[in-house]
């Protein structure tokens, strides 16, 4: 039986910031400046980041959004 806690698929800004070991304020600063690669999705009034995108973004060296979207869009197609 798997005893490790499952990571949620979608993360709030607070959860995403905690995952990256930064403050929520710094997370929003990265997002608004374009230094955070992955874009959030909106579910009604909720804004969430996709866990696997954040994980891959870190693996790729945390490129800025412009570069990330070029790479991620190509990888998806």
N, C-alpha and C. Protein backbone atom coordinates (compact mmCIF):
# COMPACT_ATOMS: atom_id res chain seq x y z
N UNK A 1 0.83 -1.19 0.00
CA UNK A 1 0.00 0.00 0.00
C UNK A 1 0.87 1.25 0.00
N UNK A 2 0.50 2.22 -0.84
CA UNK A 2 1.26 3.45 -0.96
C UNK A 2 0.95 4.35 0.24
N UNK A 3 1.97 4.65 1.04
CA UNK A 3 1.76 5.46 2.24
C UNK A 3 2.07 6.93 2.01
N UNK A 4 2.65 7.29 0.84
CA UNK A 4 2.95 8.68 0.57
C UNK A 4 1.67 9.43 0.20
N UNK A 5 1.61 10.67 0.62
CA UNK A 5 0.45 11.50 0.32
C UNK A 5 0.46 11.87 -1.17
N UNK A 6 -0.69 11.72 -1.82
CA UNK A 6 -0.82 12.08 -3.23
C UNK A 6 -0.80 13.59 -3.37
N UNK A 7 -0.11 14.09 -4.38
CA UNK A 7 -0.09 15.51 -4.69
C UNK A 7 -1.35 15.83 -5.50
N UNK A 8 -2.06 16.90 -5.17
CA UNK A 8 -3.25 17.26 -5.95
C UNK A 8 -2.85 17.64 -7.37
N UNK A 9 -3.73 17.43 -8.32
CA UNK A 9 -3.47 17.77 -9.72
C UNK A 9 -3.46 19.27 -9.95
N UNK A 10 -4.34 19.97 -9.25
CA UNK A 10 -4.46 21.42 -9.39
C UNK A 10 -4.12 22.09 -8.07
N UNK A 11 -3.35 23.17 -8.14
CA UNK A 11 -2.88 23.85 -6.94
C UNK A 11 -3.32 25.30 -6.90
N UNK A 12 -3.70 25.74 -5.73
CA UNK A 12 -3.96 27.17 -5.53
C UNK A 12 -2.61 27.89 -5.53
N UNK A 13 -2.65 29.21 -5.56
CA UNK A 13 -1.41 29.99 -5.52
C UNK A 13 -0.62 29.68 -4.24
N UNK A 14 -1.33 29.55 -3.12
CA UNK A 14 -0.65 29.24 -1.86
C UNK A 14 0.01 27.87 -1.90
N UNK A 15 -0.69 26.89 -2.46
CA UNK A 15 -0.12 25.54 -2.57
C UNK A 15 1.05 25.52 -3.54
N UNK A 16 0.92 26.21 -4.66
CA UNK A 16 2.00 26.26 -5.65
C UNK A 16 3.22 26.95 -5.07
N UNK A 17 3.00 28.03 -4.34
CA UNK A 17 4.12 28.74 -3.69
C UNK A 17 4.82 27.83 -2.69
N UNK A 18 4.04 27.11 -1.90
CA UNK A 18 4.63 26.18 -0.92
C UNK A 18 5.42 25.09 -1.63
N UNK A 19 4.89 24.59 -2.72
CA UNK A 19 5.59 23.57 -3.50
C UNK A 19 6.95 24.08 -3.97
N UNK A 20 7.00 25.36 -4.36
CA UNK A 20 8.25 25.96 -4.84
C UNK A 20 9.10 26.54 -3.72
N UNK A 21 8.63 26.44 -2.49
CA UNK A 21 9.33 26.96 -1.30
C UNK A 21 9.56 28.46 -1.37
N UNK A 22 8.52 29.19 -1.83
CA UNK A 22 8.58 30.64 -1.86
C UNK A 22 7.28 31.17 -1.24
N UNK A 23 7.27 32.46 -0.95
CA UNK A 23 6.05 33.05 -0.39
C UNK A 23 4.99 33.22 -1.48
N UNK A 24 3.76 33.34 -1.05
CA UNK A 24 2.67 33.55 -2.00
C UNK A 24 2.86 34.89 -2.73
N UNK A 25 3.32 35.88 -2.02
CA UNK A 25 3.59 37.19 -2.63
C UNK A 25 4.64 37.10 -3.72
N UNK A 26 5.71 36.36 -3.43
CA UNK A 26 6.76 36.19 -4.44
C UNK A 26 6.24 35.38 -5.63
N UNK A 27 5.41 34.38 -5.35
CA UNK A 27 4.81 33.58 -6.41
C UNK A 27 4.01 34.47 -7.35
N UNK A 28 3.15 35.34 -6.79
CA UNK A 28 2.36 36.26 -7.62
C UNK A 28 3.26 37.25 -8.36
N UNK A 29 4.34 37.66 -7.74
CA UNK A 29 5.29 38.55 -8.41
C UNK A 29 5.90 37.86 -9.64
N UNK A 30 6.29 36.61 -9.48
CA UNK A 30 6.82 35.85 -10.62
C UNK A 30 5.77 35.72 -11.71
N UNK A 31 4.53 35.45 -11.30
CA UNK A 31 3.44 35.27 -12.26
C UNK A 31 3.17 36.57 -13.03
N UNK A 32 3.01 37.67 -12.33
CA UNK A 32 2.66 38.93 -13.00
C UNK A 32 3.80 39.48 -13.85
N UNK A 33 5.03 39.18 -13.49
CA UNK A 33 6.18 39.67 -14.27
C UNK A 33 6.50 38.78 -15.46
N UNK A 34 5.89 37.61 -15.53
CA UNK A 34 6.18 36.70 -16.64
C UNK A 34 7.37 35.78 -16.40
N UNK A 35 7.91 35.81 -15.20
CA UNK A 35 9.03 34.92 -14.88
C UNK A 35 8.57 33.53 -14.48
N UNK A 36 7.29 33.38 -14.15
CA UNK A 36 6.71 32.06 -13.86
C UNK A 36 6.18 31.52 -15.18
N UNK A 37 6.73 30.41 -15.62
CA UNK A 37 6.36 29.86 -16.93
C UNK A 37 4.91 29.43 -17.07
N UNK A 38 4.47 28.45 -16.29
CA UNK A 38 3.11 27.94 -16.47
C UNK A 38 2.04 28.97 -16.16
N UNK A 39 1.02 28.99 -16.99
CA UNK A 39 -0.14 29.85 -16.75
C UNK A 39 -1.19 29.08 -15.97
N UNK A 40 -1.98 29.78 -15.17
CA UNK A 40 -3.04 29.10 -14.43
C UNK A 40 -4.24 28.81 -15.32
N UNK A 41 -5.11 27.96 -14.81
CA UNK A 41 -6.40 27.75 -15.45
C UNK A 41 -7.46 28.29 -14.51
N UNK A 42 -8.61 28.64 -15.05
CA UNK A 42 -9.69 29.19 -14.24
C UNK A 42 -10.85 28.20 -14.25
N UNK A 43 -11.31 27.84 -13.06
CA UNK A 43 -12.48 26.99 -12.88
C UNK A 43 -13.50 27.81 -12.11
N UNK A 44 -14.45 28.36 -12.84
CA UNK A 44 -15.39 29.34 -12.26
C UNK A 44 -14.58 30.47 -11.66
N UNK A 45 -14.65 30.68 -10.36
CA UNK A 45 -13.89 31.77 -9.73
C UNK A 45 -12.54 31.32 -9.19
N UNK A 46 -12.26 30.03 -9.26
CA UNK A 46 -11.00 29.49 -8.75
C UNK A 46 -9.91 29.56 -9.81
N UNK A 47 -8.74 29.99 -9.39
CA UNK A 47 -7.56 30.02 -10.26
C UNK A 47 -6.62 28.95 -9.74
N UNK A 48 -6.19 28.04 -10.63
CA UNK A 48 -5.34 26.93 -10.21
C UNK A 48 -4.20 26.72 -11.21
N UNK A 49 -3.07 26.26 -10.68
CA UNK A 49 -1.93 25.88 -11.51
C UNK A 49 -1.86 24.36 -11.56
N UNK A 50 -1.46 23.85 -12.70
CA UNK A 50 -1.39 22.40 -12.90
C UNK A 50 -0.06 21.90 -12.33
N UNK A 51 -0.16 20.97 -11.40
CA UNK A 51 1.01 20.45 -10.69
C UNK A 51 2.10 19.97 -11.65
N UNK A 52 1.74 19.14 -12.62
CA UNK A 52 2.76 18.56 -13.51
C UNK A 52 3.45 19.64 -14.34
N UNK A 53 2.75 20.72 -14.66
CA UNK A 53 3.40 21.81 -15.39
C UNK A 53 4.42 22.52 -14.52
N UNK A 54 4.07 22.76 -13.27
CA UNK A 54 5.03 23.39 -12.35
C UNK A 54 6.25 22.49 -12.13
N UNK A 55 5.99 21.21 -11.98
CA UNK A 55 7.08 20.25 -11.78
C UNK A 55 8.02 20.24 -12.99
N UNK A 56 7.45 20.21 -14.18
CA UNK A 56 8.26 20.19 -15.40
C UNK A 56 8.99 21.53 -15.59
N UNK A 57 8.34 22.62 -15.24
CA UNK A 57 8.96 23.94 -15.34
C UNK A 57 10.23 23.99 -14.49
N UNK A 58 10.18 23.45 -13.29
CA UNK A 58 11.36 23.41 -12.43
C UNK A 58 12.43 22.52 -13.04
N UNK A 59 12.04 21.35 -13.55
CA UNK A 59 13.00 20.44 -14.19
C UNK A 59 13.71 21.10 -15.38
N UNK A 60 12.99 21.97 -16.08
CA UNK A 60 13.57 22.65 -17.25
C UNK A 60 14.40 23.87 -16.87
N UNK A 61 14.55 24.14 -15.58
CA UNK A 61 15.39 25.24 -15.13
C UNK A 61 14.65 26.55 -14.90
N UNK A 62 13.34 26.51 -14.77
CA UNK A 62 12.51 27.69 -14.48
C UNK A 62 12.65 28.80 -15.53
N UNK A 63 12.45 28.46 -16.80
CA UNK A 63 12.56 29.50 -17.83
C UNK A 63 11.42 30.51 -17.72
N UNK A 64 11.64 31.72 -18.23
CA UNK A 64 10.55 32.71 -18.21
C UNK A 64 9.38 32.23 -19.08
N UNK A 65 8.22 32.82 -18.85
CA UNK A 65 6.99 32.37 -19.51
C UNK A 65 7.11 32.30 -21.02
N UNK A 66 7.68 33.31 -21.64
CA UNK A 66 7.78 33.33 -23.10
C UNK A 66 8.50 32.08 -23.61
N UNK A 67 9.62 31.77 -23.01
CA UNK A 67 10.40 30.59 -23.42
C UNK A 67 9.65 29.31 -23.04
N UNK A 68 9.07 29.28 -21.86
CA UNK A 68 8.34 28.11 -21.40
C UNK A 68 7.20 27.76 -22.35
N UNK A 69 6.43 28.76 -22.75
CA UNK A 69 5.29 28.51 -23.61
C UNK A 69 5.73 27.99 -24.98
N UNK A 70 6.85 28.45 -25.47
CA UNK A 70 7.39 27.92 -26.73
C UNK A 70 7.70 26.44 -26.58
N UNK A 71 8.41 26.08 -25.53
CA UNK A 71 8.82 24.70 -25.29
C UNK A 71 7.62 23.83 -24.95
N UNK A 72 6.76 24.31 -24.07
CA UNK A 72 5.64 23.49 -23.61
C UNK A 72 4.63 23.26 -24.72
N UNK A 73 4.35 24.28 -25.53
CA UNK A 73 3.41 24.11 -26.64
C UNK A 73 3.91 23.09 -27.65
N UNK A 74 5.22 23.12 -27.93
CA UNK A 74 5.80 22.14 -28.86
C UNK A 74 5.74 20.75 -28.27
N UNK A 75 6.02 20.62 -26.98
CA UNK A 75 6.01 19.29 -26.32
C UNK A 75 4.61 18.70 -26.31
N UNK A 76 3.58 19.54 -26.20
CA UNK A 76 2.21 19.05 -26.15
C UNK A 76 1.73 18.56 -27.51
N UNK A 77 2.23 19.17 -28.59
CA UNK A 77 1.76 18.82 -29.95
C UNK A 77 2.56 17.71 -30.57
